[in-house]
């Protein structure tokens, strides 16, 4: 896969941005995720292709954290510390308040736990809430099982 990846540099970015002015605007916008050139590129100290910052939502909340949480849950289940029905009951019965009630985690299916994609099938906001609440919801259950 890394062989197919082509890193964007100033030259290719400029080429893609100029193509946005032509008939293939929609194609270039969809294919390369560029809608216009960034005003940040007018700075002589920064260019969007060279100074990208980490994106916590995509890198963490939709990337490594769901993977880690899923692997921990699988481990707890394999060790007999918690079962999927007990976990789902704890998720559903927790007294969520305010915005947490709207963004509460959904139940986790056995097919989600056993899938090879390492995801939890939850949005980034729900994963954020999950890592906070799993400590509150799961800690007493895990302590009791020890």
N, C-alpha and C. Protein backbone atom coordinates (compact mmCIF):
# COMPACT_ATOMS: atom_id res chain seq x y z
N UNK A 1 0.82 -1.19 0.00
CA UNK A 1 0.00 0.00 0.00
C UNK A 1 0.86 1.25 0.00
N UNK A 2 1.98 1.24 0.74
CA UNK A 2 2.81 2.43 0.80
C UNK A 2 3.43 2.76 -0.56
N UNK A 3 3.56 1.74 -1.43
CA UNK A 3 4.10 2.01 -2.77
C UNK A 3 3.13 2.87 -3.58
N UNK A 4 1.83 2.72 -3.34
CA UNK A 4 0.83 3.47 -4.09
C UNK A 4 0.65 4.88 -3.54
N UNK A 5 1.09 5.12 -2.30
CA UNK A 5 0.92 6.43 -1.68
C UNK A 5 1.90 7.42 -2.29
N UNK A 6 1.37 8.55 -2.71
CA UNK A 6 2.23 9.60 -3.25
C UNK A 6 2.09 10.81 -2.35
N UNK A 7 3.17 11.16 -1.67
CA UNK A 7 3.16 12.29 -0.77
C UNK A 7 2.95 13.59 -1.55
N UNK A 8 2.11 14.44 -1.02
CA UNK A 8 1.85 15.72 -1.68
C UNK A 8 2.93 16.72 -1.29
N UNK A 9 3.48 17.41 -2.26
CA UNK A 9 4.45 18.46 -1.99
C UNK A 9 3.91 19.78 -2.52
N UNK A 10 4.68 20.85 -2.40
CA UNK A 10 4.22 22.17 -2.84
C UNK A 10 3.82 22.17 -4.31
N UNK A 11 4.59 21.50 -5.12
CA UNK A 11 4.35 21.50 -6.57
C UNK A 11 3.05 20.77 -6.93
N UNK A 12 2.86 19.56 -6.40
CA UNK A 12 1.63 18.82 -6.72
C UNK A 12 0.41 19.51 -6.12
N UNK A 13 0.58 20.09 -4.93
CA UNK A 13 -0.54 20.81 -4.31
C UNK A 13 -0.94 22.01 -5.17
N UNK A 14 0.04 22.75 -5.65
CA UNK A 14 -0.25 23.90 -6.51
C UNK A 14 -0.93 23.46 -7.80
N UNK A 15 -0.48 22.33 -8.35
CA UNK A 15 -1.09 21.80 -9.57
C UNK A 15 -2.54 21.40 -9.33
N UNK A 16 -2.80 20.74 -8.21
CA UNK A 16 -4.17 20.34 -7.88
C UNK A 16 -5.06 21.56 -7.64
N UNK A 17 -4.52 22.55 -6.95
CA UNK A 17 -5.30 23.77 -6.70
C UNK A 17 -5.63 24.50 -7.99
N UNK A 18 -4.69 24.57 -8.91
CA UNK A 18 -4.97 25.25 -10.19
C UNK A 18 -5.99 24.47 -11.01
N UNK A 19 -6.00 23.15 -10.87
CA UNK A 19 -6.97 22.34 -11.61
C UNK A 19 -8.40 22.55 -11.09
N UNK A 20 -8.52 23.08 -9.88
CA UNK A 20 -9.85 23.36 -9.33
C UNK A 20 -10.59 24.44 -10.11
N UNK A 21 -9.84 25.24 -10.88
CA UNK A 21 -10.45 26.30 -11.66
C UNK A 21 -10.99 25.81 -13.00
N UNK A 22 -10.74 24.56 -13.33
CA UNK A 22 -11.14 24.02 -14.63
C UNK A 22 -12.40 23.18 -14.55
N UNK A 23 -12.65 22.48 -15.65
CA UNK A 23 -13.85 21.64 -15.78
C UNK A 23 -13.84 20.45 -14.83
N UNK A 24 -12.67 20.06 -14.37
CA UNK A 24 -12.55 18.88 -13.51
C UNK A 24 -12.53 19.24 -12.02
N UNK A 25 -13.11 20.38 -11.68
CA UNK A 25 -13.13 20.83 -10.28
C UNK A 25 -13.63 19.75 -9.34
N UNK A 26 -14.79 19.18 -9.65
CA UNK A 26 -15.39 18.18 -8.76
C UNK A 26 -14.49 16.95 -8.62
N UNK A 27 -13.88 16.55 -9.73
CA UNK A 27 -12.98 15.39 -9.70
C UNK A 27 -11.79 15.66 -8.78
N UNK A 28 -11.14 16.80 -8.93
CA UNK A 28 -9.97 17.11 -8.12
C UNK A 28 -10.35 17.35 -6.66
N UNK A 29 -11.49 17.99 -6.43
CA UNK A 29 -11.93 18.23 -5.05
C UNK A 29 -12.20 16.92 -4.34
N UNK A 30 -12.85 15.98 -5.02
CA UNK A 30 -13.17 14.69 -4.41
C UNK A 30 -11.95 13.80 -4.29
N UNK A 31 -11.16 13.72 -5.34
CA UNK A 31 -10.01 12.82 -5.35
C UNK A 31 -8.91 13.25 -4.39
N UNK A 32 -8.64 14.56 -4.32
CA UNK A 32 -7.51 15.03 -3.52
C UNK A 32 -7.93 15.76 -2.24
N UNK A 33 -9.23 15.92 -2.03
CA UNK A 33 -9.71 16.55 -0.81
C UNK A 33 -9.36 18.01 -0.69
N UNK A 34 -9.22 18.69 -1.80
CA UNK A 34 -8.87 20.11 -1.81
C UNK A 34 -10.03 20.89 -2.41
N UNK A 35 -10.49 21.91 -1.71
CA UNK A 35 -11.54 22.76 -2.25
C UNK A 35 -11.01 24.09 -2.75
N UNK A 36 -9.88 24.51 -2.16
CA UNK A 36 -9.23 25.76 -2.56
C UNK A 36 -7.84 25.78 -1.93
N UNK A 37 -7.02 26.69 -2.39
CA UNK A 37 -5.71 26.84 -1.79
C UNK A 37 -5.88 27.51 -0.43
N UNK A 38 -5.01 27.19 0.50
CA UNK A 38 -5.11 27.75 1.84
C UNK A 38 -4.39 29.09 1.92
N UNK A 39 -4.98 30.01 2.66
CA UNK A 39 -4.33 31.31 2.88
C UNK A 39 -3.03 31.14 3.67
N UNK A 40 -2.91 30.03 4.39
CA UNK A 40 -1.69 29.76 5.15
C UNK A 40 -0.48 29.61 4.22
N UNK A 41 -0.73 29.24 2.97
CA UNK A 41 0.37 29.06 2.03
C UNK A 41 1.00 30.37 1.59
N UNK A 42 0.41 31.50 1.93
CA UNK A 42 1.01 32.79 1.60
C UNK A 42 2.13 33.14 2.57
N UNK A 43 2.20 32.43 3.68
CA UNK A 43 3.28 32.66 4.63
C UNK A 43 4.56 32.03 4.10
N UNK A 44 5.67 32.70 4.30
CA UNK A 44 6.93 32.11 3.85
C UNK A 44 7.47 31.10 4.85
N UNK A 45 6.80 30.98 6.01
CA UNK A 45 7.26 30.08 7.06
C UNK A 45 6.44 28.79 7.17
N UNK A 46 5.37 28.68 6.36
CA UNK A 46 4.49 27.53 6.51
C UNK A 46 3.88 27.18 5.17
N UNK A 47 3.68 25.90 4.95
CA UNK A 47 2.93 25.41 3.80
C UNK A 47 2.15 24.19 4.27
N UNK A 48 0.91 24.05 3.82
CA UNK A 48 0.04 22.98 4.33
C UNK A 48 0.60 21.59 4.05
N UNK A 49 1.42 21.43 3.05
CA UNK A 49 1.97 20.11 2.75
C UNK A 49 3.19 19.77 3.61
N UNK A 50 3.70 20.75 4.33
CA UNK A 50 4.92 20.52 5.10
C UNK A 50 4.73 20.67 6.60
N UNK A 51 3.63 21.22 7.02
CA UNK A 51 3.45 21.49 8.44
C UNK A 51 2.14 20.98 9.00
N UNK A 52 1.75 19.81 8.58
CA UNK A 52 0.48 19.28 9.05
C UNK A 52 0.57 18.86 10.51
N UNK A 53 -0.41 19.27 11.27
CA UNK A 53 -0.44 18.92 12.69
C UNK A 53 -1.24 17.64 12.87
N UNK A 54 -1.03 16.94 13.96
CA UNK A 54 -1.83 15.74 14.21
C UNK A 54 -3.31 16.11 14.35
N UNK A 55 -4.15 15.24 13.91
CA UNK A 55 -5.59 15.43 13.99
C UNK A 55 -6.12 14.46 15.03
N UNK A 56 -6.37 14.97 16.24
CA UNK A 56 -6.73 14.09 17.35
C UNK A 56 -7.99 13.29 17.08
N UNK A 57 -8.95 13.88 16.37
CA UNK A 57 -10.20 13.16 16.12
C UNK A 57 -9.94 11.93 15.26
N UNK A 58 -9.24 12.11 14.16
CA UNK A 58 -9.03 10.98 13.25
C UNK A 58 -7.89 10.07 13.69
N UNK A 59 -6.80 10.67 14.17
CA UNK A 59 -5.64 9.86 14.56
C UNK A 59 -5.90 9.06 15.82
N UNK A 60 -6.54 9.69 16.79
CA UNK A 60 -6.73 9.03 18.09
C UNK A 60 -8.13 8.46 18.27
N UNK A 61 -9.14 9.33 18.19
CA UNK A 61 -10.50 8.90 18.53
C UNK A 61 -11.13 7.99 17.49
N UNK A 62 -10.65 8.04 16.27
CA UNK A 62 -11.16 7.11 15.26
C UNK A 62 -10.06 6.19 14.75
N UNK A 63 -8.92 6.21 15.44
CA UNK A 63 -7.78 5.39 15.02
C UNK A 63 -7.30 4.46 16.10
N UNK A 64 -6.30 4.92 16.85
CA UNK A 64 -5.64 4.02 17.81
C UNK A 64 -6.47 3.73 19.05
N UNK A 65 -7.28 4.66 19.54
CA UNK A 65 -8.03 4.41 20.77
C UNK A 65 -9.08 3.32 20.60
N UNK A 66 -9.92 3.34 19.55
CA UNK A 66 -10.85 2.21 19.40
C UNK A 66 -10.13 0.87 19.31
N UNK A 67 -8.98 0.86 18.65
CA UNK A 67 -8.19 -0.37 18.56
C UNK A 67 -7.78 -0.84 19.96
N UNK A 68 -7.22 0.06 20.75
CA UNK A 68 -6.76 -0.29 22.09
C UNK A 68 -7.92 -0.73 22.99
N UNK A 69 -9.03 0.02 22.94
CA UNK A 69 -10.19 -0.33 23.77
C UNK A 69 -10.73 -1.70 23.37
N UNK A 70 -10.82 -1.94 22.07
CA UNK A 70 -11.33 -3.24 21.61
C UNK A 70 -10.43 -4.38 22.06
N UNK A 71 -9.13 -4.19 21.93
CA UNK A 71 -8.19 -5.24 22.35
C UNK A 71 -8.26 -5.48 23.86
N UNK A 72 -8.42 -4.40 24.65
CA UNK A 72 -8.57 -4.56 26.09
C UNK A 72 -9.85 -5.31 26.43
N UNK A 73 -10.94 -4.94 25.77
CA UNK A 73 -12.21 -5.62 26.02
C UNK A 73 -12.11 -7.10 25.65
N UNK A 74 -11.47 -7.40 24.52
CA UNK A 74 -11.29 -8.80 24.13
C UNK A 74 -10.48 -9.55 25.19
N UNK A 75 -9.44 -8.92 25.69
CA UNK A 75 -8.61 -9.53 26.72
C UNK A 75 -9.42 -9.79 27.98
N UNK A 76 -10.17 -8.78 28.43
CA UNK A 76 -11.00 -8.96 29.63
C UNK A 76 -12.00 -10.08 29.45
N UNK A 77 -12.55 -10.20 28.25
CA UNK A 77 -13.54 -11.24 27.98
C UNK A 77 -12.88 -12.62 27.93
N UNK A 78 -11.71 -12.70 27.31
CA UNK A 78 -11.00 -13.98 27.22
C UNK A 78 -10.55 -14.47 28.60
N UNK A 79 -10.23 -13.54 29.49
CA UNK A 79 -9.81 -13.89 30.84
C UNK A 79 -11.00 -14.16 31.76
N UNK A 80 -12.20 -13.95 31.26
CA UNK A 80 -13.39 -14.17 32.07
C UNK A 80 -13.67 -13.06 33.06
N UNK A 81 -13.05 -11.90 32.88
CA UNK A 81 -13.25 -10.80 33.81
C UNK A 81 -14.57 -10.07 33.56
N UNK A 82 -15.05 -10.15 32.33
CA UNK A 82 -16.32 -9.52 31.97
C UNK A 82 -16.88 -10.25 30.76
N UNK A 83 -18.17 -10.26 30.63
CA UNK A 83 -18.79 -10.86 29.45
C UNK A 83 -19.42 -9.74 28.62
N UNK A 84 -19.66 -10.04 27.37
CA UNK A 84 -20.26 -9.04 26.49
C UNK A 84 -21.65 -8.61 26.99
N UNK A 85 -22.51 -9.52 27.43
CA UNK A 85 -23.82 -9.08 27.96
C UNK A 85 -23.68 -8.16 29.18
N UNK A 86 -22.74 -8.46 30.08
CA UNK A 86 -22.53 -7.61 31.26
C UNK A 86 -22.03 -6.24 30.83
N UNK A 87 -21.09 -6.21 29.89
CA UNK A 87 -20.58 -4.95 29.37
C UNK A 87 -21.71 -4.12 28.76
N UNK A 88 -22.50 -4.75 27.90
CA UNK A 88 -23.59 -4.02 27.24
C UNK A 88 -24.65 -3.55 28.24
N UNK A 89 -24.92 -4.35 29.27
CA UNK A 89 -25.85 -3.91 30.32
C UNK A 89 -25.30 -2.69 31.04
N UNK A 90 -24.00 -2.70 31.33
CA UNK A 90 -23.38 -1.56 32.01
C UNK A 90 -23.44 -0.31 31.14
N UNK A 91 -23.21 -0.47 29.85
CA UNK A 91 -23.28 0.66 28.93
C UNK A 91 -24.70 1.21 28.87
N UNK A 92 -25.69 0.34 28.78
CA UNK A 92 -27.08 0.78 28.65
C UNK A 92 -27.65 1.32 29.95
N UNK A 93 -27.24 0.80 31.10
CA UNK A 93 -27.84 1.19 32.38
C UNK A 93 -27.16 2.37 33.05
N UNK A 94 -26.02 2.81 32.53
CA UNK A 94 -25.32 3.93 33.15
C UNK A 94 -26.19 5.19 33.08
N UNK A 95 -26.25 5.98 34.15
CA UNK A 95 -27.10 7.18 34.15
C UNK A 95 -26.44 8.37 33.44
N UNK A 96 -26.46 8.34 32.12
CA UNK A 96 -25.88 9.42 31.33
C UNK A 96 -26.64 10.71 31.58
N UNK A 97 -25.93 11.83 31.58
CA UNK A 97 -26.53 13.14 31.82
C UNK A 97 -26.14 14.12 30.71
N UNK A 98 -26.98 15.10 30.45
CA UNK A 98 -26.69 16.17 29.51
C UNK A 98 -26.30 15.67 28.14
N UNK A 99 -25.23 16.24 27.57
CA UNK A 99 -24.82 15.84 26.22
C UNK A 99 -24.37 14.38 26.14
N UNK A 100 -23.93 13.84 27.27
CA UNK A 100 -23.52 12.43 27.27
C UNK A 100 -24.69 11.50 26.96
N UNK A 101 -25.89 11.91 27.36
CA UNK A 101 -27.08 11.08 27.10
C UNK A 101 -27.35 11.00 25.60
N UNK A 102 -27.03 12.06 24.89
CA UNK A 102 -27.22 12.07 23.43
C UNK A 102 -26.13 11.28 22.72
N UNK A 103 -24.92 11.33 23.24
CA UNK A 103 -23.76 10.71 22.60
C UNK A 103 -23.31 9.42 23.26
N UNK A 104 -24.19 8.78 24.00
CA UNK A 104 -23.78 7.58 24.74
C UNK A 104 -23.38 6.46 23.77
N UNK A 105 -22.46 5.62 24.21
CA UNK A 105 -22.03 4.51 23.36
C UNK A 105 -23.17 3.54 23.11
N UNK A 106 -23.16 2.95 21.94
CA UNK A 106 -24.14 1.92 21.62
C UNK A 106 -23.66 0.57 22.13
N UNK A 107 -24.55 -0.40 22.08
CA UNK A 107 -24.12 -1.74 22.51
C UNK A 107 -23.08 -2.26 21.53
N UNK A 108 -22.24 -3.13 22.01
CA UNK A 108 -21.16 -3.70 21.20
C UNK A 108 -21.56 -5.13 20.86
N UNK A 109 -21.63 -5.42 19.59
CA UNK A 109 -22.05 -6.76 19.16
C UNK A 109 -20.88 -7.74 19.21
N UNK A 110 -21.21 -9.03 19.24
CA UNK A 110 -20.16 -10.04 19.23
C UNK A 110 -19.41 -10.02 17.91
N UNK A 111 -20.11 -9.66 16.82
CA UNK A 111 -19.41 -9.59 15.52
C UNK A 111 -18.43 -8.42 15.50
N UNK A 112 -18.73 -7.34 16.21
CA UNK A 112 -17.78 -6.22 16.31
C UNK A 112 -16.55 -6.64 17.09
N UNK A 113 -16.76 -7.34 18.20
CA UNK A 113 -15.62 -7.80 19.02
C UNK A 113 -14.76 -8.79 18.25
N UNK A 114 -15.38 -9.66 17.48
CA UNK A 114 -14.60 -10.71 16.80
C UNK A 114 -14.10 -10.29 15.41
N UNK A 115 -14.50 -9.13 14.91
CA UNK A 115 -14.05 -8.70 13.58
C UNK A 115 -12.56 -8.41 13.59
N UNK A 116 -11.96 -8.48 12.42
CA UNK A 116 -10.52 -8.27 12.31
C UNK A 116 -10.15 -6.82 12.02
N UNK A 117 -11.13 -5.93 11.94
CA UNK A 117 -10.82 -4.55 11.56
C UNK A 117 -10.39 -3.66 12.73
N UNK A 118 -10.41 -4.16 13.94
CA UNK A 118 -9.96 -3.46 15.14
C UNK A 118 -10.80 -2.24 15.49
N UNK A 119 -11.97 -2.07 14.89
CA UNK A 119 -12.82 -0.93 15.20
C UNK A 119 -13.94 -1.30 16.14
N UNK A 120 -14.53 -0.27 16.74
CA UNK A 120 -15.66 -0.47 17.64
C UNK A 120 -16.98 -0.03 17.03
N UNK A 121 -16.94 0.48 15.81
CA UNK A 121 -18.15 0.94 15.10
C UNK A 121 -18.84 2.06 15.88
N UNK A 122 -18.05 2.99 16.42
CA UNK A 122 -18.56 4.14 17.16
C UNK A 122 -17.92 5.40 16.57
N UNK A 123 -18.59 6.54 16.72
CA UNK A 123 -18.02 7.80 16.23
C UNK A 123 -16.91 8.27 17.18
N UNK A 124 -16.14 9.24 16.72
CA UNK A 124 -15.05 9.76 17.53
C UNK A 124 -15.53 10.34 18.85
N UNK A 125 -16.65 11.06 18.84
CA UNK A 125 -17.18 11.65 20.07
C UNK A 125 -17.61 10.56 21.04
N UNK A 126 -18.21 9.51 20.51
CA UNK A 126 -18.64 8.40 21.36
C UNK A 126 -17.44 7.64 21.91
N UNK A 127 -16.38 7.52 21.12
CA UNK A 127 -15.16 6.87 21.62
C UNK A 127 -14.57 7.71 22.76
N UNK A 128 -14.58 9.04 22.60
CA UNK A 128 -14.09 9.92 23.66
C UNK A 128 -14.87 9.69 24.94
N UNK A 129 -16.20 9.71 24.82
CA UNK A 129 -17.05 9.47 25.98
C UNK A 129 -16.79 8.07 26.56
N UNK A 130 -16.59 7.10 25.68
CA UNK A 130 -16.35 5.73 26.13
C UNK A 130 -15.09 5.60 26.97
N UNK A 131 -14.01 6.25 26.56
CA UNK A 131 -12.77 6.10 27.33
C UNK A 131 -12.90 6.75 28.70
N UNK A 132 -13.72 7.78 28.80
CA UNK A 132 -13.97 8.39 30.10
C UNK A 132 -14.89 7.51 30.93
N UNK A 133 -15.99 7.09 30.33
CA UNK A 133 -17.00 6.33 31.08
C UNK A 133 -16.60 4.89 31.33
N UNK A 134 -15.83 4.28 30.44
CA UNK A 134 -15.43 2.89 30.66
C UNK A 134 -14.66 2.76 31.97
N UNK A 135 -13.93 3.80 32.33
CA UNK A 135 -13.22 3.77 33.60
C UNK A 135 -14.20 3.73 34.76
N UNK A 136 -15.29 4.46 34.63
CA UNK A 136 -16.30 4.51 35.69
C UNK A 136 -17.18 3.27 35.67
N UNK A 137 -17.58 2.86 34.47
CA UNK A 137 -18.50 1.74 34.31
C UNK A 137 -17.80 0.40 34.54
N UNK A 138 -16.63 0.23 33.96
CA UNK A 138 -15.96 -1.07 34.00
C UNK A 138 -15.14 -1.31 35.26
N UNK A 139 -14.61 -0.27 35.86
CA UNK A 139 -13.72 -0.46 37.00
C UNK A 139 -14.36 -1.28 38.11
N UNK A 140 -15.57 -0.95 38.56
CA UNK A 140 -16.18 -1.78 39.63
C UNK A 140 -16.39 -3.23 39.18
N UNK A 141 -16.78 -3.44 37.94
CA UNK A 141 -17.01 -4.79 37.44
C UNK A 141 -15.69 -5.58 37.41
N UNK A 142 -14.64 -4.95 36.93
CA UNK A 142 -13.35 -5.62 36.86
C UNK A 142 -12.79 -5.89 38.24
N UNK A 143 -12.95 -4.94 39.18
CA UNK A 143 -12.48 -5.15 40.55
C UNK A 143 -13.21 -6.32 41.20
N UNK A 144 -14.51 -6.39 40.97
CA UNK A 144 -15.32 -7.46 41.55
C UNK A 144 -14.89 -8.83 41.00
N UNK A 145 -14.52 -8.87 39.73
CA UNK A 145 -14.15 -10.15 39.11
C UNK A 145 -12.76 -10.63 39.49
N UNK A 146 -11.97 -9.75 40.11
CA UNK A 146 -10.60 -10.14 40.47
C UNK A 146 -10.61 -10.91 41.72
